[in-house]
C-alpha atoms as a PDB file:
ATOM      1  CA  MET A   1      18.923  -7.935  -6.682  1.00  0.00           C
ATOM      2  CA  LYS A   2      18.386 -10.588  -4.004  1.00  0.00           C
ATOM      3  CA  ILE A   3      14.813 -10.629  -2.702  1.00  0.00           C
ATOM      4  CA  ASP A   4      14.428 -11.260   1.035  1.00  0.00           C
ATOM      5  CA  PHE A   5      10.957 -12.817   1.123  1.00  0.00           C
ATOM      6  CA  GLN A   6      11.110 -13.397   4.887  1.00  0.00           C
ATOM      7  CA  LEU A   7      11.645  -9.692   5.488  1.00  0.00           C
ATOM      8  CA  HIS A   8       8.881  -8.798   3.019  1.00  0.00           C
ATOM      9  CA  ARG A   9       6.500 -11.138   4.860  1.00  0.00           C
ATOM     10  CA  GLU A  10       7.440  -9.542   8.200  1.00  0.00           C
ATOM     11  CA  TRP A  11       6.671  -6.040   6.946  1.00  0.00           C
ATOM     12  CA  MET A  12       3.465  -7.220   5.260  1.00  0.00           C
ATOM     13  CA  ARG A  13       2.301  -8.685   8.573  1.00  0.00           C
ATOM     14  CA  ARG A  14       2.574  -5.193  10.072  1.00  0.00           C
ATOM     15  CA  SER A  15       0.507  -3.840   7.171  1.00  0.00           C
ATOM     16  CA  ILE A  16      -2.097  -6.546   7.844  1.00  0.00           C
ATOM     17  CA  GLU A  17      -2.255  -5.437  11.502  1.00  0.00           C
ATOM     18  CA  LEU A  18      -2.962  -1.877  10.364  1.00  0.00           C
ATOM     19  CA  ALA A  19      -5.598  -3.151   7.950  1.00  0.00           C
ATOM     20  CA  ALA A  20      -7.285  -4.954  10.846  1.00  0.00           C
ATOM     21  CA  LYS A  21      -7.420  -1.680  12.791  1.00  0.00           C
ATOM     22  CA  ALA A  22      -9.027   0.017   9.811  1.00  0.00           C
ATOM     23  CA  GLY A  23     -11.566  -2.781   9.454  1.00  0.00           C
ATOM     24  CA  ALA A  24     -12.443  -2.607  13.154  1.00  0.00           C
ATOM     25  CA  ALA A  25     -13.107   1.120  12.705  1.00  0.00           C
ATOM     26  CA  GLY A  26     -15.527   0.466   9.840  1.00  0.00           C
ATOM     27  CA  GLU A  27     -13.076   1.150   7.026  1.00  0.00           C
ATOM     28  CA  VAL A  28     -12.181  -1.205   4.178  1.00  0.00           C
ATOM     29  CA  PRO A  29      -9.261  -3.101   5.744  1.00  0.00           C
ATOM     30  CA  VAL A  30      -6.192  -1.893   3.905  1.00  0.00           C
ATOM     31  CA  GLY A  31      -2.930  -1.092   5.684  1.00  0.00           C
ATOM     32  CA  ALA A  32       0.391   0.320   4.513  1.00  0.00           C
ATOM     33  CA  ILE A  33       3.839   1.063   5.883  1.00  0.00           C
ATOM     34  CA  ILE A  34       6.886   2.795   4.472  1.00  0.00           C
ATOM     35  CA  ILE A  35      10.385   1.590   5.303  1.00  0.00           C
ATOM     36  CA  ASN A  36      13.508   3.736   4.964  1.00  0.00           C
ATOM     37  CA  PRO A  37      16.850   2.404   3.645  1.00  0.00           C
ATOM     38  CA  ALA A  38      17.962   1.567   7.209  1.00  0.00           C
ATOM     39  CA  GLY A  39      15.028  -0.841   7.502  1.00  0.00           C
ATOM     40  CA  GLU A  40      12.996   1.307   9.888  1.00  0.00           C
ATOM     41  CA  ILE A  41       9.302   2.074   9.668  1.00  0.00           C
ATOM     42  CA  ILE A  42       9.006   5.798   9.025  1.00  0.00           C
ATOM     43  CA  ALA A  43       5.302   5.906   8.203  1.00  0.00           C
ATOM     44  CA  GLU A  44       2.144   3.906   8.651  1.00  0.00           C
ATOM     45  CA  GLY A  45      -1.266   4.280   7.094  1.00  0.00           C
ATOM     46  CA  GLU A  46      -4.624   2.636   7.170  1.00  0.00           C
ATOM     47  CA  ASN A  47      -7.759   3.464   5.252  1.00  0.00           C
ATOM     48  CA  ARG A  48      -9.398   6.509   6.854  1.00  0.00           C
ATOM     49  CA  ARG A  49     -11.922   7.662   4.247  1.00  0.00           C
ATOM     50  CA  GLU A  50     -14.967   7.265   6.474  1.00  0.00           C
ATOM     51  CA  ARG A  51     -13.359   8.598   9.651  1.00  0.00           C
ATOM     52  CA  ASP A  52     -11.759  11.593   7.956  1.00  0.00           C
ATOM     53  CA  ARG A  53     -14.577  12.102   5.430  1.00  0.00           C
ATOM     54  CA  ASP A  54     -11.821  12.299   2.836  1.00  0.00           C
ATOM     55  CA  PRO A  55     -11.976  10.316  -0.423  1.00  0.00           C
ATOM     56  CA  THR A  56      -8.177  10.514  -0.734  1.00  0.00           C
ATOM     57  CA  ALA A  57      -7.496   8.973   2.700  1.00  0.00           C
ATOM     58  CA  HIS A  58      -6.425   5.588   1.366  1.00  0.00           C
ATOM     59  CA  ALA A  59      -3.772   3.732   3.377  1.00  0.00           C
ATOM     60  CA  GLU A  60      -1.083   4.426   0.774  1.00  0.00           C
ATOM     61  CA  ILE A  61      -1.786   8.167   0.636  1.00  0.00           C
ATOM     62  CA  VAL A  62      -1.834   8.436   4.446  1.00  0.00           C
ATOM     63  CA  ALA A  63       1.538   6.641   4.613  1.00  0.00           C
ATOM     64  CA  ILE A  64       3.090   8.666   1.773  1.00  0.00           C
ATOM     65  CA  ARG A  65       2.071  11.937   3.451  1.00  0.00           C
ATOM     66  CA  ALA A  66       3.535  10.784   6.771  1.00  0.00           C
ATOM     67  CA  ALA A  67       6.788   9.625   5.138  1.00  0.00           C
ATOM     68  CA  GLY A  68       7.176  12.947   3.334  1.00  0.00           C
ATOM     69  CA  ALA A  69       6.745  14.762   6.646  1.00  0.00           C
ATOM     70  CA  ASP A  70       9.223  12.433   8.368  1.00  0.00           C
ATOM     71  CA  LEU A  71      11.858  12.909   5.667  1.00  0.00           C
ATOM     72  CA  ASP A  72      10.976  16.562   5.059  1.00  0.00           C
ATOM     73  CA  SER A  73      10.844  15.692   1.357  1.00  0.00           C
ATOM     74  CA  TRP A  74       8.432  14.313  -1.198  1.00  0.00           C
ATOM     75  CA  HIS A  75      11.255  12.268  -2.751  1.00  0.00           C
ATOM     76  CA  LEU A  76      10.787   8.738  -1.398  1.00  0.00           C
ATOM     77  CA  ASP A  77      13.076   7.078  -3.943  1.00  0.00           C
ATOM     78  CA  ARG A  78      15.059   5.137  -1.336  1.00  0.00           C
ATOM     79  CA  CYS A  79      11.967   3.911   0.504  1.00  0.00           C
ATOM     80  CA  THR A  80       9.752   0.841   0.234  1.00  0.00           C
ATOM     81  CA  LEU A  81       5.971   0.889   0.481  1.00  0.00           C
ATOM     82  CA  TYR A  82       4.185  -2.227   1.734  1.00  0.00           C
ATOM     83  CA  VAL A  83       0.419  -2.373   1.239  1.00  0.00           C
ATOM     84  CA  THR A  84      -2.072  -5.195   1.644  1.00  0.00           C
ATOM     85  CA  LEU A  85      -4.024  -4.520  -1.571  1.00  0.00           C
ATOM     86  CA  GLU A  86      -2.838  -3.577  -5.049  1.00  0.00           C
ATOM     87  CA  PRO A  87      -3.119   0.216  -5.319  1.00  0.00           C
ATOM     88  CA  CYS A  88      -5.950   1.951  -7.172  1.00  0.00           C
ATOM     89  CA  PRO A  89      -5.329   4.567  -9.914  1.00  0.00           C
ATOM     90  CA  MET A  90      -5.106   7.452  -7.426  1.00  0.00           C
ATOM     91  CA  CYS A  91      -2.633   5.639  -5.196  1.00  0.00           C
ATOM     92  CA  ALA A  92      -0.599   4.328  -8.132  1.00  0.00           C
ATOM     93  CA  GLY A  93      -0.270   7.909  -9.356  1.00  0.00           C
ATOM     94  CA  ALA A  94       0.841   9.085  -5.908  1.00  0.00           C
ATOM     95  CA  ILE A  95       3.385   6.254  -5.694  1.00  0.00           C
ATOM     96  CA  VAL A  96       4.868   7.276  -9.036  1.00  0.00           C
ATOM     97  CA  ALA A  97       4.801  10.970  -8.070  1.00  0.00           C
ATOM     98  CA  ALA A  98       6.624  10.214  -4.794  1.00  0.00           C
ATOM     99  CA  ARG A  99       9.269   8.280  -6.760  1.00  0.00           C
ATOM    100  CA  LEU A 100       9.062   5.344  -4.344  1.00  0.00           C
ATOM    101  CA  GLY A 101      11.924   2.918  -4.817  1.00  0.00           C
ATOM    102  CA  LEU A 102       9.989  -0.300  -4.267  1.00  0.00           C
ATOM    103  CA  LEU A 103       6.339  -1.268  -3.947  1.00  0.00           C
ATOM    104  CA  VAL A 104       5.421  -4.537  -2.250  1.00  0.00           C
ATOM    105  CA  TYR A 105       1.749  -5.481  -2.172  1.00  0.00           C
ATOM    106  CA  GLY A 106      -0.308  -8.434  -1.017  1.00  0.00           C
ATOM    107  CA  ALA A 107      -3.479  -9.151  -2.970  1.00  0.00           C
ATOM    108  CA  ASP A 108      -4.285  -8.211  -6.553  1.00  0.00           C
ATOM    109  CA  ASP A 109      -7.368  -6.029  -7.002  1.00  0.00           C
ATOM    110  CA  ALA A 110      -9.457  -7.313  -9.910  1.00  0.00           C
ATOM    111  CA  LYS A 111     -11.650  -4.176  -9.933  1.00  0.00           C
ATOM    112  CA  THR A 112      -9.289  -1.219  -9.586  1.00  0.00           C
ATOM    113  CA  GLY A 113      -5.763  -2.642  -9.403  1.00  0.00           C
ATOM    114  CA  SER A 114      -3.555  -0.153 -11.202  1.00  0.00           C
ATOM    115  CA  ILE A 115      -0.113  -1.661 -10.813  1.00  0.00           C
ATOM    116  CA  ARG A 116      -0.510  -4.900 -12.761  1.00  0.00           C
ATOM    117  CA  THR A 117      -4.082  -6.272 -12.719  1.00  0.00           C
ATOM    118  CA  VAL A 118      -6.444  -3.810 -14.474  1.00  0.00           C
ATOM    119  CA  LEU A 119      -4.054  -1.001 -15.373  1.00  0.00           C
ATOM    120  CA  ASN A 120      -0.290  -0.690 -15.292  1.00  0.00           C
ATOM    121  CA  ILE A 121       0.273   2.946 -14.401  1.00  0.00           C
ATOM    122  CA  PRO A 122       3.956   2.576 -13.393  1.00  0.00           C
ATOM    123  CA  ASP A 123       4.911   1.173 -16.804  1.00  0.00           C
ATOM    124  CA  SER A 124       2.592   3.393 -18.848  1.00  0.00           C
ATOM    125  CA  ALA A 125       3.658   6.250 -21.092  1.00  0.00           C
ATOM    126  CA  ALA A 126       2.212   8.628 -18.468  1.00  0.00           C
ATOM    127  CA  SER A 127       4.792   7.539 -15.880  1.00  0.00           C
ATOM    128  CA  ASN A 128       8.049   9.406 -15.494  1.00  0.00           C
ATOM    129  CA  HIS A 129       9.417   6.989 -12.888  1.00  0.00           C
ATOM    130  CA  LYS A 130      10.573   3.383 -13.074  1.00  0.00           C
ATOM    131  CA  LEU A 131       8.975   1.537 -10.155  1.00  0.00           C
ATOM    132  CA  THR A 132      10.127  -1.860  -8.967  1.00  0.00           C
ATOM    133  CA  VAL A 133       7.159  -3.983  -7.862  1.00  0.00           C
ATOM    134  CA  ILE A 134       6.794  -7.230  -5.943  1.00  0.00           C
ATOM    135  CA  GLY A 135       3.245  -8.534  -5.694  1.00  0.00           C
ATOM    136  CA  GLY A 136       1.672 -11.480  -3.922  1.00  0.00           C
ATOM    137  CA  ILE A 137       3.424 -11.248  -0.548  1.00  0.00           C
ATOM    138  CA  LEU A 138       1.098 -12.980   1.960  1.00  0.00           C
ATOM    139  CA  GLU A 139      -1.525 -12.739  -0.765  1.00  0.00           C
ATOM    140  CA  SER A 140      -3.921 -15.297   0.723  1.00  0.00           C
ATOM    141  CA  ASP A 141      -3.822 -13.614   4.156  1.00  0.00           C
ATOM    142  CA  CYS A 142      -4.471 -10.196   2.627  1.00  0.00           C
ATOM    143  CA  ARG A 143      -7.279 -11.491   0.402  1.00  0.00           C
ATOM    144  CA  GLN A 144      -8.904 -13.451   3.221  1.00  0.00           C
ATOM    145  CA  GLN A 145      -8.896 -10.383   5.476  1.00  0.00           C
ATOM    146  CA  LEU A 146     -10.729  -8.353   2.829  1.00  0.00           C
ATOM    147  CA  GLN A 147     -13.186 -11.128   1.951  1.00  0.00           C
ATOM    148  CA  GLU A 148     -14.098 -11.744   5.592  1.00  0.00           C
ATOM    149  CA  TRP A 149     -14.616  -8.026   6.224  1.00  0.00           C
ATOM    150  CA  PHE A 150     -16.902  -7.660   3.195  1.00  0.00           C
ATOM    151  CA  ARG A 151     -18.798 -10.830   4.121  1.00  0.00           C
ATOM    152  CA  ARG A 152     -19.463  -9.471   7.644  1.00  0.00           C
ATOM    153  CA  LYS A 153     -20.387  -6.062   6.233  1.00  0.00           C
ATOM    154  CA  ARG A 154     -23.006  -7.574   3.929  1.00  0.00           C
ATOM    155  CA  CYS A 155     -24.632  -9.720   6.658  1.00  0.00           C
END
């Protein structure tokens, strides 16, 4: 499989824009998009936990719900999810459950990363789906966005 890093960077930039919107609204700045096989954005998500008062309103979950509604199916096996931060255990489980075809993420999460860093849910015995993963796309941009937001939040 040939990896088109330029295209991955383009889609990650859109996820970073969504993360910025979340950060401006007081949310941890994480953004996600889902692309269909034709290369079209079918869903977008940004963290909404505070605004929606919903602990499950992570960017990935918001995007997965929107993609399922768009496709009228929970099977997202031909879709790609782009997200600025490595998914947590809840989101990793949802990604596996949705049977996403490809996950592309920006920055590793040393505290709750559940794709490769702390846990590896997709490759665990509990997973019934083989997930292809590409990490580190625009990693420094994604990490810097999070670090700056947390620095401002703590001041």
